[in-house]
Protein backbone atom coordinates (compact mmCIF):
# COMPACT_ATOMS: atom_id res chain seq x y z
CA UNK A 1 0.00 0.00 0.00
CA UNK A 2 1.42 3.36 -1.02
CA UNK A 3 0.95 6.06 1.52
CA UNK A 4 0.48 9.55 0.12
CA UNK A 5 2.49 12.11 2.03
CA UNK A 6 1.03 15.56 2.12
CA UNK A 7 3.10 18.45 3.34
CA UNK A 8 1.77 21.34 5.31
CA UNK A 9 2.09 24.56 3.45
CA UNK A 10 4.33 27.26 4.88
CA UNK A 11 1.27 29.49 5.13
CA UNK A 12 -0.53 26.92 7.33
CA UNK A 13 2.42 26.59 9.67
CA UNK A 14 2.92 30.37 9.82
CA UNK A 15 -0.77 30.92 10.57
CA UNK A 16 -0.72 28.27 13.31
CA UNK A 17 2.39 29.74 14.97
CA UNK A 18 0.98 33.26 14.94
CA UNK A 19 -2.36 31.99 16.25
CA UNK A 20 -0.55 30.18 19.09
CA UNK A 21 1.19 33.41 20.11
CA UNK A 22 -2.12 35.29 19.98
CA UNK A 23 -3.88 32.55 21.96
CA UNK A 24 -1.23 32.99 24.67
CA UNK A 25 -1.77 36.75 24.75
CA UNK A 26 1.45 37.82 23.01
CA UNK A 27 1.26 40.39 20.21
CA UNK A 28 3.84 41.44 17.66
CA UNK A 29 3.82 44.87 19.31
CA UNK A 30 4.69 43.28 22.68
CA UNK A 31 7.77 41.72 21.11
CA UNK A 32 8.57 44.80 19.03
CA UNK A 33 8.67 46.92 22.20
CA UNK A 34 11.52 44.73 23.46
CA UNK A 35 13.28 45.02 20.09
CA UNK A 36 12.91 48.79 20.19
CA UNK A 37 14.30 48.92 23.74
CA UNK A 38 17.29 46.84 22.64
CA UNK A 39 18.02 48.87 19.48
CA UNK A 40 16.92 52.50 19.82
CA UNK A 41 20.11 53.69 21.54
CA UNK A 42 22.14 52.46 18.58
CA UNK A 43 19.85 53.74 15.84
CA UNK A 44 18.54 57.28 15.65
CA UNK A 45 15.36 57.30 13.63
CA UNK A 46 14.28 53.77 14.58
CA UNK A 47 10.50 53.43 14.92
CA UNK A 48 8.30 50.91 16.65
CA UNK A 49 6.74 50.12 13.25
CA UNK A 50 10.15 49.11 11.90
CA UNK A 51 10.55 46.86 14.93
CA UNK A 52 7.11 45.31 14.34
CA UNK A 53 8.11 44.64 10.74
CA UNK A 54 11.31 42.95 11.87
CA UNK A 55 9.36 40.73 14.29
CA UNK A 56 6.97 39.90 11.44
CA UNK A 57 9.88 38.91 9.21
CA UNK A 58 11.39 36.69 11.92
CA UNK A 59 8.04 34.94 12.37
CA UNK A 60 8.24 33.89 8.71
CA UNK A 61 11.17 31.59 9.51
CA UNK A 62 10.25 27.92 9.84
CA UNK A 63 12.71 27.35 12.70
CA UNK A 64 10.92 30.02 14.73
CA UNK A 65 7.48 28.72 13.78
CA UNK A 66 8.36 25.13 14.69
CA UNK A 67 9.87 26.17 18.02
CA UNK A 68 6.73 28.18 18.84
CA UNK A 69 4.39 25.33 18.00
CA UNK A 70 6.33 22.78 20.07
CA UNK A 71 6.94 25.03 23.07
CA UNK A 72 3.47 26.49 23.29
CA UNK A 73 1.91 23.05 22.93
CA UNK A 74 4.00 21.75 25.83
CA UNK A 75 3.04 24.75 27.98
CA UNK A 76 -0.64 24.20 27.22
CA UNK A 77 -0.46 20.47 27.92
CA UNK A 78 1.23 21.20 31.24
CA UNK A 79 -1.58 23.64 32.12
CA UNK A 80 -4.07 20.82 31.52
CA UNK A 81 -1.96 18.37 33.55
CA UNK A 82 -1.70 16.14 30.46
CA UNK A 83 2.01 15.29 30.53
CA UNK A 84 3.51 12.25 32.17
CA UNK A 85 5.57 12.61 35.32
CA UNK A 86 8.18 13.83 35.90
CA UNK A 87 7.90 15.97 32.74
CA UNK A 88 4.61 17.43 33.99
CA UNK A 89 6.21 18.78 37.15
CA UNK A 90 9.38 19.97 35.40
CA UNK A 91 7.41 22.09 32.93
CA UNK A 92 4.59 23.16 35.26
CA UNK A 93 7.08 24.48 37.83
CA UNK A 94 9.63 25.77 35.29
CA UNK A 95 12.31 23.75 37.07
CA UNK A 96 15.54 25.77 37.12
CA UNK A 97 17.74 22.93 35.86
CA UNK A 98 15.32 21.83 33.11
CA UNK A 99 16.97 23.84 30.31
CA UNK A 100 15.07 22.35 27.38
CA UNK A 101 13.05 25.55 27.05
CA UNK A 102 16.22 27.61 26.60
CA UNK A 103 17.69 24.99 24.27
CA UNK A 104 14.72 25.18 21.89
CA UNK A 105 14.75 28.99 21.98
CA UNK A 106 18.50 29.10 21.41
CA UNK A 107 18.18 26.70 18.48
CA UNK A 108 15.62 29.00 16.90
CA UNK A 109 17.72 32.14 17.35
CA UNK A 110 20.90 30.53 15.96
CA UNK A 111 19.65 31.38 12.47
CA UNK A 112 20.58 34.99 13.25
CA UNK A 113 24.20 34.39 14.23
CA UNK A 114 26.28 35.28 17.24
CA UNK A 115 24.61 38.66 17.80
CA UNK A 116 21.28 36.85 18.07
CA UNK A 117 22.74 34.41 20.59
CA UNK A 118 24.29 37.10 22.78
CA UNK A 119 21.13 39.21 22.62
CA UNK A 120 19.06 36.17 23.61
CA UNK A 121 21.38 35.59 26.57
CA UNK A 122 20.90 39.18 27.67
CA UNK A 123 17.11 38.92 27.40
CA UNK A 124 17.05 35.57 29.19
CA UNK A 125 18.94 37.12 32.08
CA UNK A 126 17.23 40.53 32.26
CA UNK A 127 13.62 39.57 31.33
CA UNK A 128 12.38 42.75 29.65
CA UNK A 129 8.80 43.68 28.79
CA UNK A 130 6.37 40.85 28.23
CA UNK A 131 9.13 38.31 28.87
CA UNK A 132 9.11 39.37 32.53
CA UNK A 133 5.31 39.05 32.69
CA UNK A 134 5.44 35.56 31.18
CA UNK A 135 8.28 34.46 33.45
CA UNK A 136 6.45 35.53 36.62
CA UNK A 137 4.80 32.49 38.11
CA UNK A 138 1.55 34.23 39.04
CA UNK A 139 -1.81 32.72 38.14
CA UNK A 140 -2.56 29.43 36.43
CA UNK A 141 -0.70 29.92 33.17
CA UNK A 142 2.37 27.88 32.33
CA UNK A 143 4.85 29.81 30.20
CA UNK A 144 7.97 27.71 30.68
CA UNK A 145 8.68 27.71 26.96
CA UNK A 146 6.87 30.87 25.88
CA UNK A 147 8.99 33.36 27.82
CA UNK A 148 12.15 31.95 26.24
CA UNK A 149 10.60 31.78 22.78
CA UNK A 150 9.50 35.42 22.97
CA UNK A 151 13.06 36.26 24.01
CA UNK A 152 14.38 34.34 21.01
CA UNK A 153 12.03 36.17 18.62
CA UNK A 154 12.99 39.54 20.08
CA UNK A 155 16.70 38.68 19.91
CA UNK A 156 16.37 37.50 16.32
CA UNK A 157 14.42 40.62 15.30
CA UNK A 158 17.01 42.83 17.03
CA UNK A 159 19.83 41.04 15.27
CA UNK A 160 18.05 41.26 11.94
CA UNK A 161 17.61 45.01 12.43
CA UNK A 162 21.24 45.54 13.39
CA UNK A 163 22.43 43.81 10.23
CA UNK A 164 19.94 45.57 7.96
CA UNK A 165 20.69 48.99 9.42
CA UNK A 166 24.41 48.45 8.90
CA UNK A 167 23.69 47.58 5.24
CA UNK A 168 21.69 50.82 4.89
CA UNK A 169 24.48 52.86 6.46
CA UNK A 170 26.97 51.38 4.02
CA UNK A 171 24.67 52.51 1.20
CA UNK A 172 24.55 56.02 2.66
CA UNK A 173 20.88 55.74 3.66
CA UNK A 174 19.90 57.52 6.87
CA UNK A 175 17.41 55.63 9.00
CA UNK A 176 14.09 57.39 9.51
CA UNK A 177 10.42 56.43 9.65
CA UNK A 178 10.17 56.23 5.85
CA UNK A 179 12.87 53.56 5.49
CA UNK A 180 11.62 50.02 5.08
CA UNK A 181 13.95 47.60 6.79
C-alpha atoms as a PDB file:
ATOM      1  CA  UNK A   1       0.000   0.000   0.000  1.00  0.00           C
ATOM      2  CA  UNK A   2       1.419   3.355  -1.022  1.00  0.00           C
ATOM      3  CA  UNK A   3       0.945   6.060   1.516  1.00  0.00           C
ATOM      4  CA  UNK A   4       0.476   9.553   0.115  1.00  0.00           C
ATOM      5  CA  UNK A   5       2.487  12.113   2.034  1.00  0.00           C
ATOM      6  CA  UNK A   6       1.031  15.564   2.118  1.00  0.00           C
ATOM      7  CA  UNK A   7       3.099  18.453   3.338  1.00  0.00           C
ATOM      8  CA  UNK A   8       1.768  21.338   5.308  1.00  0.00           C
ATOM      9  CA  UNK A   9       2.092  24.560   3.448  1.00  0.00           C
ATOM     10  CA  UNK A  10       4.331  27.257   4.877  1.00  0.00           C
ATOM     11  CA  UNK A  11       1.270  29.485   5.126  1.00  0.00           C
ATOM     12  CA  UNK A  12      -0.533  26.924   7.331  1.00  0.00           C
ATOM     13  CA  UNK A  13       2.423  26.587   9.673  1.00  0.00           C
ATOM     14  CA  UNK A  14       2.915  30.366   9.820  1.00  0.00           C
ATOM     15  CA  UNK A  15      -0.772  30.923  10.568  1.00  0.00           C
ATOM     16  CA  UNK A  16      -0.723  28.275  13.306  1.00  0.00           C
ATOM     17  CA  UNK A  17       2.390  29.737  14.966  1.00  0.00           C
ATOM     18  CA  UNK A  18       0.984  33.260  14.941  1.00  0.00           C
ATOM     19  CA  UNK A  19      -2.358  31.993  16.255  1.00  0.00           C
ATOM     20  CA  UNK A  20      -0.552  30.184  19.086  1.00  0.00           C
ATOM     21  CA  UNK A  21       1.186  33.413  20.112  1.00  0.00           C
ATOM     22  CA  UNK A  22      -2.120  35.286  19.984  1.00  0.00           C
ATOM     23  CA  UNK A  23      -3.877  32.555  21.963  1.00  0.00           C
ATOM     24  CA  UNK A  24      -1.229  32.989  24.673  1.00  0.00           C
ATOM     25  CA  UNK A  25      -1.772  36.751  24.751  1.00  0.00           C
ATOM     26  CA  UNK A  26       1.453  37.816  23.008  1.00  0.00           C
ATOM     27  CA  UNK A  27       1.257  40.386  20.211  1.00  0.00           C
ATOM     28  CA  UNK A  28       3.837  41.440  17.657  1.00  0.00           C
ATOM     29  CA  UNK A  29       3.823  44.872  19.308  1.00  0.00           C
ATOM     30  CA  UNK A  30       4.689  43.281  22.678  1.00  0.00           C
ATOM     31  CA  UNK A  31       7.767  41.717  21.114  1.00  0.00           C
ATOM     32  CA  UNK A  32       8.567  44.803  19.031  1.00  0.00           C
ATOM     33  CA  UNK A  33       8.673  46.917  22.201  1.00  0.00           C
ATOM     34  CA  UNK A  34      11.523  44.733  23.457  1.00  0.00           C
ATOM     35  CA  UNK A  35      13.275  45.023  20.095  1.00  0.00           C
ATOM     36  CA  UNK A  36      12.910  48.795  20.195  1.00  0.00           C
ATOM     37  CA  UNK A  37      14.296  48.920  23.740  1.00  0.00           C
ATOM     38  CA  UNK A  38      17.295  46.844  22.638  1.00  0.00           C
ATOM     39  CA  UNK A  39      18.024  48.868  19.477  1.00  0.00           C
ATOM     40  CA  UNK A  40      16.925  52.496  19.816  1.00  0.00           C
ATOM     41  CA  UNK A  41      20.108  53.687  21.539  1.00  0.00           C
ATOM     42  CA  UNK A  42      22.144  52.459  18.575  1.00  0.00           C
ATOM     43  CA  UNK A  43      19.848  53.737  15.841  1.00  0.00           C
ATOM     44  CA  UNK A  44      18.545  57.277  15.646  1.00  0.00           C
ATOM     45  CA  UNK A  45      15.360  57.303  13.631  1.00  0.00           C
ATOM     46  CA  UNK A  46      14.276  53.770  14.578  1.00  0.00           C
ATOM     47  CA  UNK A  47      10.498  53.434  14.916  1.00  0.00           C
ATOM     48  CA  UNK A  48       8.300  50.906  16.645  1.00  0.00           C
ATOM     49  CA  UNK A  49       6.742  50.125  13.249  1.00  0.00           C
ATOM     50  CA  UNK A  50      10.148  49.107  11.901  1.00  0.00           C
ATOM     51  CA  UNK A  51      10.546  46.855  14.933  1.00  0.00           C
ATOM     52  CA  UNK A  52       7.106  45.308  14.343  1.00  0.00           C
ATOM     53  CA  UNK A  53       8.106  44.643  10.741  1.00  0.00           C
ATOM     54  CA  UNK A  54      11.313  42.951  11.874  1.00  0.00           C
ATOM     55  CA  UNK A  55       9.364  40.726  14.285  1.00  0.00           C
ATOM     56  CA  UNK A  56       6.968  39.899  11.445  1.00  0.00           C
ATOM     57  CA  UNK A  57       9.883  38.906   9.208  1.00  0.00           C
ATOM     58  CA  UNK A  58      11.392  36.692  11.919  1.00  0.00           C
ATOM     59  CA  UNK A  59       8.040  34.945  12.375  1.00  0.00           C
ATOM     60  CA  UNK A  60       8.240  33.894   8.713  1.00  0.00           C
ATOM     61  CA  UNK A  61      11.171  31.589   9.505  1.00  0.00           C
ATOM     62  CA  UNK A  62      10.254  27.922   9.838  1.00  0.00           C
ATOM     63  CA  UNK A  63      12.711  27.354  12.697  1.00  0.00           C
ATOM     64  CA  UNK A  64      10.924  30.017  14.730  1.00  0.00           C
ATOM     65  CA  UNK A  65       7.481  28.715  13.775  1.00  0.00           C
ATOM     66  CA  UNK A  66       8.357  25.134  14.695  1.00  0.00           C
ATOM     67  CA  UNK A  67       9.866  26.169  18.022  1.00  0.00           C
ATOM     68  CA  UNK A  68       6.725  28.184  18.842  1.00  0.00           C
ATOM     69  CA  UNK A  69       4.395  25.328  17.997  1.00  0.00           C
ATOM     70  CA  UNK A  70       6.333  22.781  20.074  1.00  0.00           C
ATOM     71  CA  UNK A  71       6.944  25.034  23.068  1.00  0.00           C
ATOM     72  CA  UNK A  72       3.466  26.490  23.295  1.00  0.00           C
ATOM     73  CA  UNK A  73       1.908  23.049  22.929  1.00  0.00           C
ATOM     74  CA  UNK A  74       3.999  21.749  25.834  1.00  0.00           C
ATOM     75  CA  UNK A  75       3.043  24.751  27.978  1.00  0.00           C
ATOM     76  CA  UNK A  76      -0.636  24.202  27.217  1.00  0.00           C
ATOM     77  CA  UNK A  77      -0.458  20.466  27.915  1.00  0.00           C
ATOM     78  CA  UNK A  78       1.235  21.204  31.241  1.00  0.00           C
ATOM     79  CA  UNK A  79      -1.581  23.637  32.118  1.00  0.00           C
ATOM     80  CA  UNK A  80      -4.067  20.821  31.517  1.00  0.00           C
ATOM     81  CA  UNK A  81      -1.961  18.373  33.547  1.00  0.00           C
ATOM     82  CA  UNK A  82      -1.704  16.138  30.460  1.00  0.00           C
ATOM     83  CA  UNK A  83       2.010  15.294  30.529  1.00  0.00           C
ATOM     84  CA  UNK A  84       3.506  12.245  32.173  1.00  0.00           C
ATOM     85  CA  UNK A  85       5.575  12.610  35.316  1.00  0.00           C
ATOM     86  CA  UNK A  86       8.181  13.834  35.905  1.00  0.00           C
ATOM     87  CA  UNK A  87       7.900  15.972  32.736  1.00  0.00           C
ATOM     88  CA  UNK A  88       4.613  17.430  33.991  1.00  0.00           C
ATOM     89  CA  UNK A  89       6.209  18.782  37.151  1.00  0.00           C
ATOM     90  CA  UNK A  90       9.378  19.967  35.397  1.00  0.00           C
ATOM     91  CA  UNK A  91       7.412  22.086  32.927  1.00  0.00           C
ATOM     92  CA  UNK A  92       4.592  23.160  35.260  1.00  0.00           C
ATOM     93  CA  UNK A  93       7.080  24.477  37.826  1.00  0.00           C
ATOM     94  CA  UNK A  94       9.632  25.768  35.288  1.00  0.00           C
ATOM     95  CA  UNK A  95      12.312  23.754  37.074  1.00  0.00           C
ATOM     96  CA  UNK A  96      15.536  25.768  37.120  1.00  0.00           C
ATOM     97  CA  UNK A  97      17.736  22.925  35.864  1.00  0.00           C
ATOM     98  CA  UNK A  98      15.319  21.828  33.111  1.00  0.00           C
ATOM     99  CA  UNK A  99      16.966  23.840  30.311  1.00  0.00           C
ATOM    100  CA  UNK A 100      15.070  22.352  27.376  1.00  0.00           C
ATOM    101  CA  UNK A 101      13.046  25.552  27.046  1.00  0.00           C
ATOM    102  CA  UNK A 102      16.221  27.608  26.603  1.00  0.00           C
ATOM    103  CA  UNK A 103      17.685  24.990  24.266  1.00  0.00           C
ATOM    104  CA  UNK A 104      14.717  25.179  21.893  1.00  0.00           C
ATOM    105  CA  UNK A 105      14.752  28.991  21.982  1.00  0.00           C
ATOM    106  CA  UNK A 106      18.503  29.100  21.410  1.00  0.00           C
ATOM    107  CA  UNK A 107      18.183  26.701  18.478  1.00  0.00           C
ATOM    108  CA  UNK A 108      15.618  29.001  16.902  1.00  0.00           C
ATOM    109  CA  UNK A 109      17.724  32.145  17.345  1.00  0.00           C
ATOM    110  CA  UNK A 110      20.897  30.529  15.960  1.00  0.00           C
ATOM    111  CA  UNK A 111      19.652  31.385  12.470  1.00  0.00           C
ATOM    112  CA  UNK A 112      20.576  34.991  13.251  1.00  0.00           C
ATOM    113  CA  UNK A 113      24.198  34.390  14.227  1.00  0.00           C
ATOM    114  CA  UNK A 114      26.284  35.285  17.243  1.00  0.00           C
ATOM    115  CA  UNK A 115      24.611  38.661  17.802  1.00  0.00           C
ATOM    116  CA  UNK A 116      21.278  36.847  18.070  1.00  0.00           C
ATOM    117  CA  UNK A 117      22.737  34.409  20.591  1.00  0.00           C
ATOM    118  CA  UNK A 118      24.288  37.099  22.784  1.00  0.00           C
ATOM    119  CA  UNK A 119      21.133  39.212  22.620  1.00  0.00           C
ATOM    120  CA  UNK A 120      19.056  36.167  23.605  1.00  0.00           C
ATOM    121  CA  UNK A 121      21.377  35.586  26.568  1.00  0.00           C
ATOM    122  CA  UNK A 122      20.899  39.184  27.666  1.00  0.00           C
ATOM    123  CA  UNK A 123      17.113  38.920  27.397  1.00  0.00           C
ATOM    124  CA  UNK A 124      17.052  35.571  29.188  1.00  0.00           C
ATOM    125  CA  UNK A 125      18.944  37.117  32.083  1.00  0.00           C
ATOM    126  CA  UNK A 126      17.227  40.528  32.259  1.00  0.00           C
ATOM    127  CA  UNK A 127      13.621  39.573  31.330  1.00  0.00           C
ATOM    128  CA  UNK A 128      12.384  42.752  29.646  1.00  0.00           C
ATOM    129  CA  UNK A 129       8.800  43.680  28.785  1.00  0.00           C
ATOM    130  CA  UNK A 130       6.369  40.852  28.234  1.00  0.00           C
ATOM    131  CA  UNK A 131       9.125  38.308  28.872  1.00  0.00           C
ATOM    132  CA  UNK A 132       9.108  39.367  32.529  1.00  0.00           C
ATOM    133  CA  UNK A 133       5.315  39.052  32.694  1.00  0.00           C
ATOM    134  CA  UNK A 134       5.443  35.561  31.176  1.00  0.00           C
ATOM    135  CA  UNK A 135       8.277  34.456  33.453  1.00  0.00           C
ATOM    136  CA  UNK A 136       6.450  35.526  36.616  1.00  0.00           C
ATOM    137  CA  UNK A 137       4.801  32.494  38.109  1.00  0.00           C
ATOM    138  CA  UNK A 138       1.548  34.235  39.038  1.00  0.00           C
ATOM    139  CA  UNK A 139      -1.813  32.716  38.138  1.00  0.00           C
ATOM    140  CA  UNK A 140      -2.564  29.433  36.428  1.00  0.00           C
ATOM    141  CA  UNK A 141      -0.696  29.925  33.171  1.00  0.00           C
ATOM    142  CA  UNK A 142       2.366  27.879  32.327  1.00  0.00           C
ATOM    143  CA  UNK A 143       4.845  29.809  30.200  1.00  0.00           C
ATOM    144  CA  UNK A 144       7.969  27.711  30.682  1.00  0.00           C
ATOM    145  CA  UNK A 145       8.677  27.712  26.961  1.00  0.00           C
ATOM    146  CA  UNK A 146       6.869  30.866  25.883  1.00  0.00           C
ATOM    147  CA  UNK A 147       8.989  33.363  27.819  1.00  0.00           C
ATOM    148  CA  UNK A 148      12.151  31.950  26.237  1.00  0.00           C
ATOM    149  CA  UNK A 149      10.599  31.784  22.779  1.00  0.00           C
ATOM    150  CA  UNK A 150       9.497  35.418  22.969  1.00  0.00           C
ATOM    151  CA  UNK A 151      13.058  36.259  24.009  1.00  0.00           C
ATOM    152  CA  UNK A 152      14.376  34.344  21.009  1.00  0.00           C
ATOM    153  CA  UNK A 153      12.034  36.169  18.616  1.00  0.00           C
ATOM    154  CA  UNK A 154      12.987  39.545  20.078  1.00  0.00           C
ATOM    155  CA  UNK A 155      16.696  38.676  19.907  1.00  0.00           C
ATOM    156  CA  UNK A 156      16.369  37.502  16.315  1.00  0.00           C
ATOM    157  CA  UNK A 157      14.421  40.616  15.299  1.00  0.00           C
ATOM    158  CA  UNK A 158      17.006  42.832  17.028  1.00  0.00           C
ATOM    159  CA  UNK A 159      19.834  41.037  15.275  1.00  0.00           C
ATOM    160  CA  UNK A 160      18.045  41.263  11.941  1.00  0.00           C
ATOM    161  CA  UNK A 161      17.607  45.014  12.431  1.00  0.00           C
ATOM    162  CA  UNK A 162      21.238  45.536  13.388  1.00  0.00           C
ATOM    163  CA  UNK A 163      22.431  43.807  10.227  1.00  0.00           C
ATOM    164  CA  UNK A 164      19.944  45.574   7.962  1.00  0.00           C
ATOM    165  CA  UNK A 165      20.687  48.989   9.423  1.00  0.00           C
ATOM    166  CA  UNK A 166      24.406  48.453   8.896  1.00  0.00           C
ATOM    167  CA  UNK A 167      23.687  47.584   5.244  1.00  0.00           C
ATOM    168  CA  UNK A 168      21.688  50.823   4.886  1.00  0.00           C
ATOM    169  CA  UNK A 169      24.476  52.863   6.464  1.00  0.00           C
ATOM    170  CA  UNK A 170      26.972  51.378   4.017  1.00  0.00           C
ATOM    171  CA  UNK A 171      24.674  52.512   1.198  1.00  0.00           C
ATOM    172  CA  UNK A 172      24.548  56.021   2.661  1.00  0.00           C
ATOM    173  CA  UNK A 173      20.883  55.735   3.656  1.00  0.00           C
ATOM    174  CA  UNK A 174      19.898  57.525   6.869  1.00  0.00           C
ATOM    175  CA  UNK A 175      17.406  55.634   8.997  1.00  0.00           C
ATOM    176  CA  UNK A 176      14.087  57.391   9.513  1.00  0.00           C
ATOM    177  CA  UNK A 177      10.425  56.427   9.652  1.00  0.00           C
ATOM    178  CA  UNK A 178      10.170  56.234   5.852  1.00  0.00           C
ATOM    179  CA  UNK A 179      12.873  53.564   5.487  1.00  0.00           C
ATOM    180  CA  UNK A 180      11.624  50.023   5.085  1.00  0.00           C
ATOM    181  CA  UNK A 181      13.952  47.604   6.793  1.00  0.00           C
END
